[in-house]
Structures are given as structure tokens and as C-alpha cells.
Amino acid sequence: MCIRDSNKSEQIQKILSLEKRNKSFVDFLKEAAKITKLDLESYLIKPMQRLTRYPLLLEDLAKHTSPDHPDYNNLQKALNLIKKVERAVNEEKATQENRRRILKLEQNFVQGTPKLDLLQ
């Protein structure tokens, strides 16, 4: 399991802990699961899965679009834009992960148990 997976798992566990305290949230999740056949974790990861698929879709579409097609230039612009968005999201995820690690180290030092395991 990579670091991001472990962080994602922590976030999902926090959200799932709401189930124990909020009956209407539990009811909503059950109804949504009946209709869509998706659980909460699927909803949480779906936006990121889609974001990583858009560049692939646009690259494939561009590959099969003739340069003299009227949509070709807009397709190239869309491809460049979605790649820029994907890079920005990845950079922000890395920044947040680094902040989480620093916070964890800080908490360990404050608690008097310094652990320098930077991989967790």
C-alpha cells in the first residue's frame, strides 16, 4: 500500500465513522447503494479516476482526428488544459501529503516520542 493509499484509507475511515453517529447519513448511503450499486468509497475515488482518464481519452481522440478537421485545434487545447489540471491536482496532493507527514512528525515530537519514519 502506498502512502497516498494509506492517507485515502484514513480519510475514508473518518467519513465512515459518521455512519455510527448519524442515522440519516447511513440511510442515505444505503439508498444510494441500492440505486447505483456503488459504496461510499467508490463515490470518493470516482472523481480522481475520471480525471486520470480524460487525458487518455483526449489523446486517443486527437490521434484519430485529422489535423484539418474543424475540431482539431480545440481538441488540442482541451488536451493541454486537462493535462495542466491533472498536474495541478497531483502537485496539490503531494503538497497535502507532505503537510500531513510534517504534522505527524510534529505530533510525535510534542508527545515526546520522536519517530523519524518519513514513509508513514
N, C-alpha and C. Protein backbone atom coordinates (compact mmCIF):
# COMPACT_ATOMS: atom_id res chain seq x y z
N MET A 1 0.86 -1.18 0.00
CA MET A 1 0.00 0.00 0.00
C MET A 1 0.89 1.23 0.00
N CYS A 2 0.64 2.17 -0.91
CA CYS A 2 1.47 3.36 -0.96
C CYS A 2 0.96 4.39 0.05
N ILE A 3 1.73 5.44 0.25
CA ILE A 3 1.40 6.44 1.25
C ILE A 3 0.06 7.08 0.94
N ARG A 4 -0.17 7.43 -0.31
CA ARG A 4 -1.43 8.07 -0.67
C ARG A 4 -2.60 7.14 -0.40
N ASP A 5 -2.43 5.84 -0.63
CA ASP A 5 -3.49 4.89 -0.34
C ASP A 5 -3.78 4.86 1.15
N SER A 6 -2.75 4.92 1.96
CA SER A 6 -2.95 4.88 3.40
C SER A 6 -3.65 6.15 3.86
N ASN A 7 -3.30 7.30 3.29
CA ASN A 7 -3.95 8.56 3.64
C ASN A 7 -5.41 8.53 3.20
N LYS A 8 -5.66 8.01 1.99
CA LYS A 8 -7.03 7.89 1.48
C LYS A 8 -7.83 6.98 2.42
N SER A 9 -7.22 5.90 2.85
CA SER A 9 -7.89 4.97 3.74
C SER A 9 -8.26 5.65 5.06
N GLU A 10 -7.36 6.48 5.58
CA GLU A 10 -7.65 7.22 6.82
C GLU A 10 -8.84 8.15 6.62
N GLN A 11 -8.87 8.83 5.49
CA GLN A 11 -9.97 9.75 5.21
C GLN A 11 -11.28 9.00 5.08
N ILE A 12 -11.25 7.88 4.41
CA ILE A 12 -12.46 7.08 4.25
C ILE A 12 -12.94 6.59 5.61
N GLN A 13 -12.02 6.17 6.46
CA GLN A 13 -12.40 5.70 7.79
C GLN A 13 -13.05 6.82 8.60
N LYS A 14 -12.54 8.04 8.45
CA LYS A 14 -13.15 9.18 9.16
C LYS A 14 -14.58 9.39 8.70
N ILE A 15 -14.78 9.33 7.40
CA ILE A 15 -16.13 9.53 6.86
C ILE A 15 -17.04 8.38 7.29
N LEU A 16 -16.51 7.17 7.23
CA LEU A 16 -17.33 6.02 7.62
C LEU A 16 -17.68 6.06 9.10
N SER A 17 -16.85 6.71 9.90
CA SER A 17 -17.17 6.81 11.32
C SER A 17 -18.44 7.64 11.54
N LEU A 18 -18.79 8.47 10.56
CA LEU A 18 -20.05 9.21 10.65
C LEU A 18 -21.25 8.28 10.65
N GLU A 19 -21.07 7.12 10.03
CA GLU A 19 -22.17 6.17 9.97
C GLU A 19 -22.68 5.80 11.36
N LYS A 20 -21.75 5.71 12.29
CA LYS A 20 -22.12 5.28 13.64
C LYS A 20 -22.88 6.37 14.41
N ARG A 21 -22.69 7.63 13.96
CA ARG A 21 -23.27 8.74 14.71
C ARG A 21 -24.44 9.40 14.01
N ASN A 22 -24.70 9.06 12.77
CA ASN A 22 -25.69 9.80 12.01
C ASN A 22 -26.58 8.84 11.22
N LYS A 23 -27.75 8.59 11.74
CA LYS A 23 -28.66 7.64 11.11
C LYS A 23 -29.08 8.10 9.72
N SER A 24 -29.32 9.38 9.52
CA SER A 24 -29.75 9.84 8.21
C SER A 24 -28.65 9.64 7.17
N PHE A 25 -27.40 9.75 7.59
CA PHE A 25 -26.26 9.51 6.70
C PHE A 25 -26.24 8.04 6.31
N VAL A 26 -26.46 7.17 7.25
CA VAL A 26 -26.49 5.74 6.99
C VAL A 26 -27.63 5.41 6.02
N ASP A 27 -28.78 5.99 6.25
CA ASP A 27 -29.93 5.76 5.37
C ASP A 27 -29.64 6.24 3.96
N PHE A 28 -29.02 7.40 3.85
CA PHE A 28 -28.67 7.93 2.53
C PHE A 28 -27.72 6.99 1.80
N LEU A 29 -26.69 6.51 2.51
CA LEU A 29 -25.73 5.60 1.88
C LEU A 29 -26.39 4.31 1.42
N LYS A 30 -27.29 3.79 2.22
CA LYS A 30 -27.98 2.55 1.85
C LYS A 30 -28.85 2.76 0.61
N GLU A 31 -29.59 3.86 0.57
CA GLU A 31 -30.43 4.14 -0.59
C GLU A 31 -29.59 4.35 -1.84
N ALA A 32 -28.51 5.09 -1.71
CA ALA A 32 -27.63 5.35 -2.86
C ALA A 32 -27.01 4.05 -3.36
N ALA A 33 -26.63 3.19 -2.46
CA ALA A 33 -26.02 1.91 -2.85
C ALA A 33 -27.03 1.02 -3.58
N LYS A 34 -28.30 1.07 -3.17
CA LYS A 34 -29.34 0.29 -3.86
C LYS A 34 -29.50 0.76 -5.30
N ILE A 35 -29.49 2.06 -5.48
CA ILE A 35 -29.75 2.64 -6.80
C ILE A 35 -28.54 2.50 -7.72
N THR A 36 -27.37 2.83 -7.21
CA THR A 36 -26.18 2.91 -8.07
C THR A 36 -25.29 1.70 -8.00
N LYS A 37 -25.49 0.86 -7.01
CA LYS A 37 -24.62 -0.31 -6.79
C LYS A 37 -23.19 0.10 -6.45
N LEU A 38 -23.03 1.32 -5.91
CA LEU A 38 -21.71 1.82 -5.51
C LEU A 38 -21.71 2.10 -4.01
N ASP A 39 -20.60 1.76 -3.36
CA ASP A 39 -20.48 2.09 -1.95
C ASP A 39 -19.82 3.46 -1.81
N LEU A 40 -19.68 3.92 -0.58
CA LEU A 40 -19.13 5.25 -0.32
C LEU A 40 -17.72 5.41 -0.89
N GLU A 41 -16.89 4.42 -0.71
CA GLU A 41 -15.51 4.51 -1.20
C GLU A 41 -15.49 4.71 -2.72
N SER A 42 -16.39 4.06 -3.42
CA SER A 42 -16.47 4.23 -4.88
C SER A 42 -16.78 5.67 -5.25
N TYR A 43 -17.68 6.29 -4.50
CA TYR A 43 -18.00 7.69 -4.76
C TYR A 43 -16.80 8.60 -4.51
N LEU A 44 -16.03 8.28 -3.51
CA LEU A 44 -14.90 9.14 -3.15
C LEU A 44 -13.75 9.05 -4.14
N ILE A 45 -13.54 7.90 -4.74
CA ILE A 45 -12.41 7.77 -5.66
C ILE A 45 -12.79 8.04 -7.11
N LYS A 46 -14.08 8.01 -7.42
CA LYS A 46 -14.51 8.18 -8.81
C LYS A 46 -14.04 9.49 -9.44
N PRO A 47 -14.11 10.63 -8.79
CA PRO A 47 -13.63 11.86 -9.44
C PRO A 47 -12.15 11.79 -9.84
N MET A 48 -11.32 11.21 -9.00
CA MET A 48 -9.90 11.11 -9.33
C MET A 48 -9.68 10.10 -10.46
N GLN A 49 -10.44 9.04 -10.48
CA GLN A 49 -10.32 8.07 -11.57
C GLN A 49 -10.70 8.72 -12.89
N ARG A 50 -11.75 9.50 -12.87
CA ARG A 50 -12.17 10.18 -14.10
C ARG A 50 -11.13 11.17 -14.56
N LEU A 51 -10.58 11.92 -13.63
CA LEU A 51 -9.58 12.93 -14.00
C LEU A 51 -8.39 12.30 -14.71
N THR A 52 -7.99 11.13 -14.29
CA THR A 52 -6.83 10.48 -14.93
C THR A 52 -7.19 9.87 -16.28
N ARG A 53 -8.47 9.66 -16.52
CA ARG A 53 -8.90 9.06 -17.80
C ARG A 53 -9.09 10.10 -18.90
N TYR A 54 -9.41 11.33 -18.52
CA TYR A 54 -9.67 12.35 -19.54
C TYR A 54 -8.49 12.58 -20.47
N PRO A 55 -7.26 12.72 -19.96
CA PRO A 55 -6.14 12.90 -20.90
C PRO A 55 -5.99 11.72 -21.86
N LEU A 56 -6.20 10.52 -21.36
CA LEU A 56 -6.09 9.34 -22.22
C LEU A 56 -7.16 9.36 -23.31
N LEU A 57 -8.36 9.72 -22.93
CA LEU A 57 -9.45 9.80 -23.89
C LEU A 57 -9.15 10.86 -24.95
N LEU A 58 -8.74 12.04 -24.51
CA LEU A 58 -8.46 13.12 -25.46
C LEU A 58 -7.25 12.82 -26.34
N GLU A 59 -6.23 12.17 -25.78
CA GLU A 59 -5.07 11.78 -26.60
C GLU A 59 -5.49 10.80 -27.70
N ASP A 60 -6.32 9.84 -27.33
CA ASP A 60 -6.78 8.86 -28.31
C ASP A 60 -7.64 9.54 -29.38
N LEU A 61 -8.50 10.43 -28.94
CA LEU A 61 -9.34 11.15 -29.88
C LEU A 61 -8.50 12.01 -30.83
N ALA A 62 -7.48 12.68 -30.27
CA ALA A 62 -6.60 13.52 -31.10
C ALA A 62 -5.83 12.67 -32.11
N LYS A 63 -5.42 11.51 -31.68
CA LYS A 63 -4.67 10.61 -32.55
C LYS A 63 -5.50 10.21 -33.77
N HIS A 64 -6.79 10.10 -33.58
CA HIS A 64 -7.68 9.66 -34.65
C HIS A 64 -8.41 10.83 -35.34
N THR A 65 -8.00 12.05 -35.03
CA THR A 65 -8.62 13.22 -35.64
C THR A 65 -7.63 13.85 -36.62
N SER A 66 -8.09 14.07 -37.80
CA SER A 66 -7.25 14.68 -38.83
C SER A 66 -6.93 16.13 -38.46
N PRO A 67 -5.69 16.58 -38.67
CA PRO A 67 -5.31 17.96 -38.35
C PRO A 67 -6.14 19.01 -39.10
N ASP A 68 -6.75 18.64 -40.20
CA ASP A 68 -7.56 19.61 -40.93
C ASP A 68 -9.04 19.58 -40.51
N HIS A 69 -9.36 18.75 -39.53
CA HIS A 69 -10.73 18.71 -39.01
C HIS A 69 -11.01 20.00 -38.24
N PRO A 70 -12.22 20.55 -38.33
CA PRO A 70 -12.52 21.82 -37.65
C PRO A 70 -12.38 21.77 -36.12
N ASP A 71 -12.49 20.61 -35.52
CA ASP A 71 -12.39 20.48 -34.06
C ASP A 71 -10.97 20.20 -33.58
N TYR A 72 -10.05 19.99 -34.49
CA TYR A 72 -8.71 19.56 -34.11
C TYR A 72 -8.02 20.55 -33.16
N ASN A 73 -8.05 21.84 -33.48
CA ASN A 73 -7.37 22.83 -32.62
C ASN A 73 -8.00 22.89 -31.24
N ASN A 74 -9.33 22.85 -31.17
CA ASN A 74 -9.99 22.86 -29.87
C ASN A 74 -9.69 21.58 -29.08
N LEU A 75 -9.56 20.49 -29.77
CA LEU A 75 -9.21 19.23 -29.13
C LEU A 75 -7.81 19.31 -28.51
N GLN A 76 -6.88 19.91 -29.24
CA GLN A 76 -5.51 20.08 -28.72
C GLN A 76 -5.51 21.00 -27.50
N LYS A 77 -6.30 22.07 -27.57
CA LYS A 77 -6.41 23.00 -26.42
C LYS A 77 -6.98 22.28 -25.21
N ALA A 78 -8.02 21.48 -25.45
CA ALA A 78 -8.64 20.73 -24.34
C ALA A 78 -7.65 19.75 -23.73
N LEU A 79 -6.88 19.08 -24.58
CA LEU A 79 -5.89 18.13 -24.10
C LEU A 79 -4.83 18.83 -23.25
N ASN A 80 -4.33 19.96 -23.72
CA ASN A 80 -3.34 20.71 -22.94
C ASN A 80 -3.92 21.20 -21.62
N LEU A 81 -5.16 21.64 -21.65
CA LEU A 81 -5.80 22.14 -20.43
C LEU A 81 -6.01 21.03 -19.41
N ILE A 82 -6.50 19.88 -19.84
CA ILE A 82 -6.75 18.80 -18.88
C ILE A 82 -5.43 18.27 -18.31
N LYS A 83 -4.38 18.27 -19.10
CA LYS A 83 -3.07 17.87 -18.57
C LYS A 83 -2.58 18.87 -17.54
N LYS A 84 -2.84 20.13 -17.77
CA LYS A 84 -2.45 21.17 -16.81
C LYS A 84 -3.23 21.00 -15.50
N VAL A 85 -4.51 20.72 -15.62
CA VAL A 85 -5.34 20.49 -14.43
C VAL A 85 -4.85 19.26 -13.67
N GLU A 86 -4.55 18.20 -14.41
CA GLU A 86 -4.07 16.97 -13.78
C GLU A 86 -2.76 17.21 -13.03
N ARG A 87 -1.85 17.96 -13.64
CA ARG A 87 -0.59 18.29 -12.96
C ARG A 87 -0.83 19.10 -11.69
N ALA A 88 -1.73 20.07 -11.77
CA ALA A 88 -2.04 20.91 -10.60
C ALA A 88 -2.63 20.07 -9.47
N VAL A 89 -3.51 19.15 -9.81
CA VAL A 89 -4.12 18.28 -8.79
C VAL A 89 -3.06 17.39 -8.16
N ASN A 90 -2.19 16.82 -8.98
CA ASN A 90 -1.12 15.96 -8.45
C ASN A 90 -0.17 16.74 -7.56
N GLU A 91 0.16 17.97 -7.96
CA GLU A 91 1.04 18.80 -7.13
C GLU A 91 0.38 19.13 -5.79
N GLU A 92 -0.92 19.43 -5.83
CA GLU A 92 -1.63 19.75 -4.59
C GLU A 92 -1.72 18.51 -3.69
N LYS A 93 -1.95 17.34 -4.29
CA LYS A 93 -1.98 16.11 -3.49
C LYS A 93 -0.63 15.88 -2.82
N ALA A 94 0.46 16.11 -3.55
CA ALA A 94 1.79 15.93 -2.98
C ALA A 94 2.03 16.93 -1.85
N THR A 95 1.59 18.16 -2.04
CA THR A 95 1.74 19.19 -1.00
C THR A 95 0.97 18.79 0.25
N GLN A 96 -0.26 18.33 0.08
CA GLN A 96 -1.06 17.91 1.22
C GLN A 96 -0.44 16.71 1.94
N GLU A 97 0.09 15.79 1.17
CA GLU A 97 0.74 14.63 1.78
C GLU A 97 1.97 15.06 2.59
N ASN A 98 2.74 15.99 2.06
CA ASN A 98 3.91 16.49 2.79
C ASN A 98 3.47 17.20 4.07
N ARG A 99 2.41 17.97 4.00
CA ARG A 99 1.88 18.64 5.20
C ARG A 99 1.45 17.62 6.24
N ARG A 100 0.80 16.56 5.77
CA ARG A 100 0.35 15.51 6.70
C ARG A 100 1.54 14.86 7.40
N ARG A 101 2.61 14.60 6.63
CA ARG A 101 3.81 13.99 7.22
C ARG A 101 4.44 14.92 8.25
N ILE A 102 4.54 16.19 7.92
CA ILE A 102 5.13 17.16 8.85
C ILE A 102 4.29 17.24 10.12
N LEU A 103 2.99 17.29 9.97
CA LEU A 103 2.10 17.33 11.13
C LEU A 103 2.28 16.09 12.00
N LYS A 104 2.42 14.94 11.38
CA LYS A 104 2.61 13.70 12.13
C LYS A 104 3.93 13.73 12.89
N LEU A 105 4.98 14.20 12.23
CA LEU A 105 6.28 14.33 12.91
C LEU A 105 6.18 15.29 14.08
N GLU A 106 5.52 16.41 13.85
CA GLU A 106 5.35 17.41 14.91
C GLU A 106 4.60 16.82 16.10
N GLN A 107 3.54 16.08 15.81
CA GLN A 107 2.77 15.45 16.89
C GLN A 107 3.63 14.45 17.67
N ASN A 108 4.47 13.70 16.96
CA ASN A 108 5.34 12.75 17.63
C ASN A 108 6.33 13.45 18.55
N PHE A 109 6.86 14.57 18.12
CA PHE A 109 7.80 15.31 18.96
C PHE A 109 7.10 15.93 20.16
N VAL A 110 5.92 16.46 19.96
CA VAL A 110 5.17 17.07 21.06
C VAL A 110 4.81 16.02 22.10
N GLN A 111 4.50 14.82 21.64
CA GLN A 111 4.13 13.74 22.55
C GLN A 111 5.36 13.11 23.21
N GLY A 112 6.54 13.55 22.81
CA GLY A 112 7.76 13.04 23.41
C GLY A 112 8.24 11.73 22.86
N THR A 113 7.71 11.30 21.73
CA THR A 113 8.16 10.06 21.11
C THR A 113 8.58 10.35 19.69
N PRO A 114 9.75 10.97 19.52
CA PRO A 114 10.17 11.31 18.15
C PRO A 114 10.40 10.06 17.30
N LYS A 115 9.68 10.00 16.21
CA LYS A 115 9.84 8.93 15.24
C LYS A 115 10.16 9.58 13.91
N LEU A 116 11.24 9.22 13.31
CA LEU A 116 11.64 9.84 12.06
C LEU A 116 11.33 8.96 10.85
N ASP A 117 10.32 8.12 10.97
CA ASP A 117 9.92 7.29 9.86
C ASP A 117 9.12 8.14 8.88
N LEU A 118 9.78 8.66 7.85
CA LEU A 118 9.15 9.57 6.90
C LEU A 118 8.28 8.88 5.88
N LEU A 119 8.25 7.56 5.92
CA LEU A 119 7.46 6.82 4.94
C LEU A 119 6.04 6.58 5.42
N GLN A 120 5.71 6.99 6.61
CA GLN A 120 4.35 6.79 7.12
C GLN A 120 3.62 8.09 7.23
